[in-house]
């Protein structure tokens, strides 16, 4: 998608530092997510990877997701990171 010109919201590096502090997660995986701007949530039943496009028409954006296993939530814990990044991006 990036090769086609899609821009994604940059995520604060602190988000990824917090993932490492909160979760028992592979550090190499976190570094790959950091490089790509991918957010993460997980549960005993599965994992949820997601990324947000830059907003367009002053209000719309796309969320691209990948569910692994039987994860049945929506990554709600990541909403503050997404919203902060979108606000910062809009200010530039």
Protein backbone atom coordinates (compact mmCIF):
# COMPACT_ATOMS: atom_id res chain seq x y z
CA UNK A 1 0.00 0.00 0.00
CA UNK A 2 2.87 2.37 0.75
CA UNK A 3 4.32 1.66 -2.69
CA UNK A 4 0.99 2.79 -4.13
CA UNK A 5 1.22 6.09 -2.22
CA UNK A 6 -0.95 5.38 0.84
CA UNK A 7 0.23 7.40 3.84
CA UNK A 8 -0.16 6.02 7.34
CA UNK A 9 -0.34 7.88 10.64
CA UNK A 10 3.03 7.82 12.43
CA UNK A 11 2.82 6.31 15.91
CA UNK A 12 4.79 7.66 18.85
CA UNK A 13 7.89 5.62 19.73
CA UNK A 14 6.64 5.60 23.34
CA UNK A 15 3.75 3.37 22.26
CA UNK A 16 6.19 0.59 21.34
CA UNK A 17 8.25 1.06 24.51
CA UNK A 18 5.02 0.62 26.47
CA UNK A 19 4.19 -2.60 24.59
CA UNK A 20 7.50 -4.08 25.67
CA UNK A 21 6.93 -2.98 29.27
CA UNK A 22 3.32 -4.29 29.45
CA UNK A 23 3.41 -7.48 27.45
CA UNK A 24 5.48 -10.60 27.11
CA UNK A 25 6.13 -9.92 23.42
CA UNK A 26 9.03 -10.63 21.10
CA UNK A 27 11.21 -7.51 20.91
CA UNK A 28 12.09 -8.17 17.26
CA UNK A 29 8.37 -8.21 16.42
CA UNK A 30 7.89 -4.91 18.24
CA UNK A 31 10.76 -3.36 16.28
CA UNK A 32 9.19 -4.48 12.99
CA UNK A 33 5.86 -2.99 14.09
CA UNK A 34 7.61 0.22 15.14
CA UNK A 35 9.27 0.53 11.72
CA UNK A 36 5.94 0.03 9.95
CA UNK A 37 3.71 2.00 12.36
CA UNK A 38 1.59 -1.03 13.22
CA UNK A 39 -0.33 -1.18 16.50
CA UNK A 40 -0.93 -4.38 18.46
CA UNK A 41 -3.33 -5.94 20.89
CA UNK A 42 -3.49 -9.50 22.07
CA UNK A 43 -5.40 -11.85 24.30
CA UNK A 44 -5.22 -15.48 25.29
CA UNK A 45 -7.24 -16.29 22.18
CA UNK A 46 -5.27 -14.38 19.56
CA UNK A 47 -3.58 -11.25 18.30
CA UNK A 48 -4.70 -8.09 16.51
CA UNK A 49 -2.41 -6.01 14.31
CA UNK A 50 -3.69 -2.74 12.86
CA UNK A 51 -2.56 0.42 11.12
CA UNK A 52 -4.36 3.65 10.23
CA UNK A 53 -4.22 5.63 7.04
CA UNK A 54 -3.77 9.35 7.09
CA UNK A 55 -7.13 11.14 7.32
CA UNK A 56 -8.67 12.46 4.16
CA UNK A 57 -11.57 14.83 3.48
CA UNK A 58 -10.91 16.20 7.00
CA UNK A 59 -12.55 13.26 8.75
CA UNK A 60 -12.20 9.84 7.14
CA UNK A 61 -9.48 7.25 7.49
CA UNK A 62 -9.02 3.55 6.90
CA UNK A 63 -8.01 0.99 9.47
CA UNK A 64 -6.27 -2.06 8.04
CA UNK A 65 -6.37 -5.05 10.39
CA UNK A 66 -5.04 -8.56 10.71
CA UNK A 67 -6.48 -10.97 13.24
CA UNK A 68 -4.47 -14.00 14.27
CA UNK A 69 -6.23 -16.81 16.09
CA UNK A 70 -9.60 -16.11 17.67
CA UNK A 71 -9.01 -12.53 18.84
CA UNK A 72 -12.51 -11.08 19.07
CA UNK A 73 -12.00 -7.48 20.18
CA UNK A 74 -11.11 -4.32 18.26
CA UNK A 75 -7.85 -3.01 19.72
CA UNK A 76 -9.68 -0.38 21.76
CA UNK A 77 -6.68 0.07 24.06
CA UNK A 78 -4.86 1.62 21.11
CA UNK A 79 -7.44 4.32 20.41
CA UNK A 80 -5.58 6.99 22.45
CA UNK A 81 -2.34 6.33 20.52
CA UNK A 82 -4.19 6.57 17.20
CA UNK A 83 -6.09 9.72 18.14
CA UNK A 84 -2.96 11.48 19.43
CA UNK A 85 -1.11 10.62 16.24
CA UNK A 86 -3.97 11.83 14.06
CA UNK A 87 -4.17 15.12 15.95
CA UNK A 88 -0.41 15.65 15.68
CA UNK A 89 -0.48 14.81 11.97
CA UNK A 90 -3.36 17.26 11.37
CA UNK A 91 -1.41 20.03 13.12
CA UNK A 92 1.51 19.71 10.68
